[in-house]
Amino acid sequence: MIRPAAVPTVQIDDSRCRVVEWRFAPGVATGWHTHAHDYVVVPMTTGRLLLEEPGGATRHAELRAGVSYTRAAGVEHDVINDNDGEFVFVFVEIEMKRGGTPVTVMKMEAVPEHLTGGSSMDTPCPAAPLGPASRSGGYGSKS
């Protein structure tokens, strides 16, 4: 099923991080995508999102405003606003430096994958020092 697309607004995109606000009207979706990198999501709205996963499986993710969580790379899904009103979250990817070598720790794909990954949605984001790193890519799509 093809649904209208969620609206991304890039707030910051520099050599250290990218921050994108995603707005979903009721019934709106991100579209199928695979996350190539880890990231942090900060829900601005409390509600639930419907996740369509490979093989036809579906499940709901309950999110609470202000309760951030992280997700690892590799998740493939479509995220749909299953609420009666608008749903908003902020998606953060950060270029981090470890041991003097720039390493991409969180990188955004075309759509926030943040809602999958299996376990609890309350995985805390570990603190780590930021450092300069070159960025490559940006928004992408399912490959």
Protein backbone atom coordinates (compact mmCIF):
# COMPACT_ATOMS: atom_id res chain seq x y z
CA MET A 1 0.00 0.00 0.00
CA ILE A 2 1.34 3.42 -0.95
CA ARG A 3 0.77 6.11 1.67
CA PRO A 4 1.48 9.85 1.73
CA ALA A 5 5.03 10.62 2.92
CA ALA A 6 6.06 12.01 6.32
CA VAL A 7 7.68 15.46 6.22
CA PRO A 8 11.37 15.75 7.21
CA THR A 9 12.82 19.15 8.17
CA VAL A 10 16.61 19.27 8.46
CA GLN A 11 17.45 21.47 11.45
CA ILE A 12 21.23 20.92 11.55
CA ASP A 13 23.53 19.32 9.01
CA ASP A 14 27.21 20.01 9.57
CA SER A 15 30.47 18.09 9.85
CA ARG A 16 29.55 16.73 13.30
CA CYS A 17 25.84 15.93 13.25
CA ARG A 18 22.52 15.92 11.46
CA VAL A 19 19.24 16.66 13.25
CA VAL A 20 15.95 16.14 11.42
CA GLU A 21 12.42 16.73 12.68
CA TRP A 22 9.90 14.27 11.22
CA ARG A 23 6.17 15.14 11.11
CA PHE A 24 3.54 12.53 10.38
CA ALA A 25 -0.10 13.38 9.74
CA PRO A 26 -2.49 10.50 10.58
CA GLY A 27 -1.94 7.57 8.20
CA VAL A 28 1.30 9.02 6.79
CA ALA A 29 4.41 6.82 6.43
CA THR A 30 8.15 7.03 5.93
CA GLY A 31 8.19 4.47 3.13
CA TRP A 32 10.26 1.27 3.17
CA HIS A 33 13.87 1.84 4.14
CA THR A 34 16.90 0.19 5.70
CA HIS A 35 19.02 2.01 8.26
CA ALA A 36 22.69 1.86 7.41
CA HIS A 37 23.76 3.57 10.65
CA ASP A 38 22.89 3.88 14.34
CA TYR A 39 20.90 6.91 15.59
CA VAL A 40 18.95 8.57 18.42
CA VAL A 41 15.24 9.44 18.34
CA VAL A 42 13.58 12.02 20.58
CA PRO A 43 9.77 11.69 20.44
CA MET A 44 8.03 15.06 20.73
CA THR A 45 4.60 13.40 20.85
CA THR A 46 3.19 10.55 22.92
CA GLY A 47 1.47 7.85 20.91
CA ARG A 48 2.04 4.75 18.88
CA LEU A 49 3.50 4.09 15.48
CA LEU A 50 2.73 1.08 13.32
CA LEU A 51 5.78 -0.76 12.01
CA GLU A 52 5.55 -2.86 8.86
CA GLU A 53 8.46 -5.28 8.71
CA PRO A 54 9.90 -7.69 6.13
CA GLY A 55 7.80 -10.76 5.49
CA GLY A 56 4.54 -8.91 6.20
CA ALA A 57 4.85 -8.74 10.00
CA THR A 58 3.43 -5.69 11.75
CA ARG A 59 3.71 -4.38 15.30
CA HIS A 60 3.14 -1.19 17.26
CA ALA A 61 5.78 0.87 19.02
CA GLU A 62 4.57 2.95 21.98
CA LEU A 63 6.51 6.21 22.29
CA ARG A 64 6.42 8.87 25.01
CA ALA A 65 7.25 12.53 24.48
CA GLY A 66 10.75 13.29 25.73
CA VAL A 67 11.80 9.63 26.23
CA SER A 68 14.74 9.18 23.84
CA TYR A 69 16.08 5.88 22.55
CA THR A 70 18.74 4.54 20.21
CA ARG A 71 18.68 1.97 17.43
CA ALA A 72 21.42 0.05 15.68
CA ALA A 73 21.96 -0.07 11.96
CA GLY A 74 20.41 -2.77 9.78
CA VAL A 75 16.71 -2.46 10.49
CA GLU A 76 14.35 -2.52 7.51
CA HIS A 77 10.77 -1.28 7.83
CA ASP A 78 8.06 1.27 7.07
CA VAL A 79 6.86 3.53 9.91
CA ILE A 80 3.21 4.69 9.88
CA ASN A 81 1.42 7.17 12.14
CA ASP A 82 -1.40 5.09 13.62
CA ASN A 83 -2.76 7.94 15.78
CA ASP A 84 -5.76 10.23 15.27
CA GLY A 85 -3.50 13.31 15.32
CA GLU A 86 -0.07 14.41 14.13
CA PHE A 87 3.00 12.57 15.46
CA VAL A 88 6.41 14.28 15.67
CA PHE A 89 9.91 13.10 16.55
CA VAL A 90 13.44 14.44 16.19
CA PHE A 91 16.00 12.12 14.62
CA VAL A 92 19.69 12.66 15.47
CA GLU A 93 22.78 11.20 13.84
CA ILE A 94 26.21 12.13 15.12
CA GLU A 95 29.74 11.84 13.75
CA MET A 96 31.88 10.70 16.67
CA LYS A 97 35.60 10.32 17.12
CA ARG A 98 37.18 7.34 18.90
CA GLY A 99 40.89 6.95 19.46
CA GLY A 100 41.74 9.77 17.07
CA THR A 101 40.03 8.10 14.10
CA PRO A 102 36.73 9.54 12.86
CA VAL A 103 33.99 6.91 13.03
CA THR A 104 30.39 7.30 11.87
CA VAL A 105 28.33 6.26 14.88
CA MET A 106 24.88 7.50 13.88
CA LYS A 107 23.90 8.19 10.32
CA MET A 108 20.46 9.01 9.00
CA GLU A 109 18.80 7.20 6.16
CA ALA A 110 15.76 8.31 4.20
CA VAL A 111 13.52 7.41 7.08
CA PRO A 112 13.86 6.99 10.79
CA GLU A 113 14.45 3.35 11.63
CA HIS A 114 14.39 4.19 15.27
CA LEU A 115 11.24 2.27 15.84
CA THR A 116 12.62 -1.19 15.27
CA GLY A 117 15.60 -3.10 16.45
CA GLY A 118 13.82 -5.63 18.60
CA SER A 119 14.17 -4.80 22.28
CA SER A 120 12.86 -2.01 24.48
CA MET A 121 12.36 1.47 23.09
CA ASP A 122 14.04 2.89 26.20
CA THR A 123 17.66 2.10 25.30
CA PRO A 124 19.65 5.05 26.70
CA CYS A 125 22.04 6.89 24.43
CA PRO A 126 25.62 6.49 25.66
CA ALA A 127 27.63 9.66 26.16
CA ALA A 128 30.74 10.00 24.00
CA PRO A 129 33.02 12.85 22.95
CA LEU A 130 32.27 14.54 19.65
CA GLY A 131 34.98 15.25 17.15
CA PRO A 132 35.31 16.45 13.58
CA ALA A 133 34.71 13.91 10.88
CA SER A 134 33.89 14.04 7.21
CA ARG A 135 30.35 13.12 6.27
CA SER A 136 29.30 11.09 3.32
CA GLY A 137 25.91 10.35 1.90
CA GLY A 138 22.75 11.60 3.53
CA TYR A 139 19.23 10.59 2.87
CA GLY A 140 18.96 7.27 1.16
CA SER A 141 16.39 4.67 0.36
CA LYS A 142 15.94 0.95 0.51
CA SER A 143 18.58 -0.67 -1.62
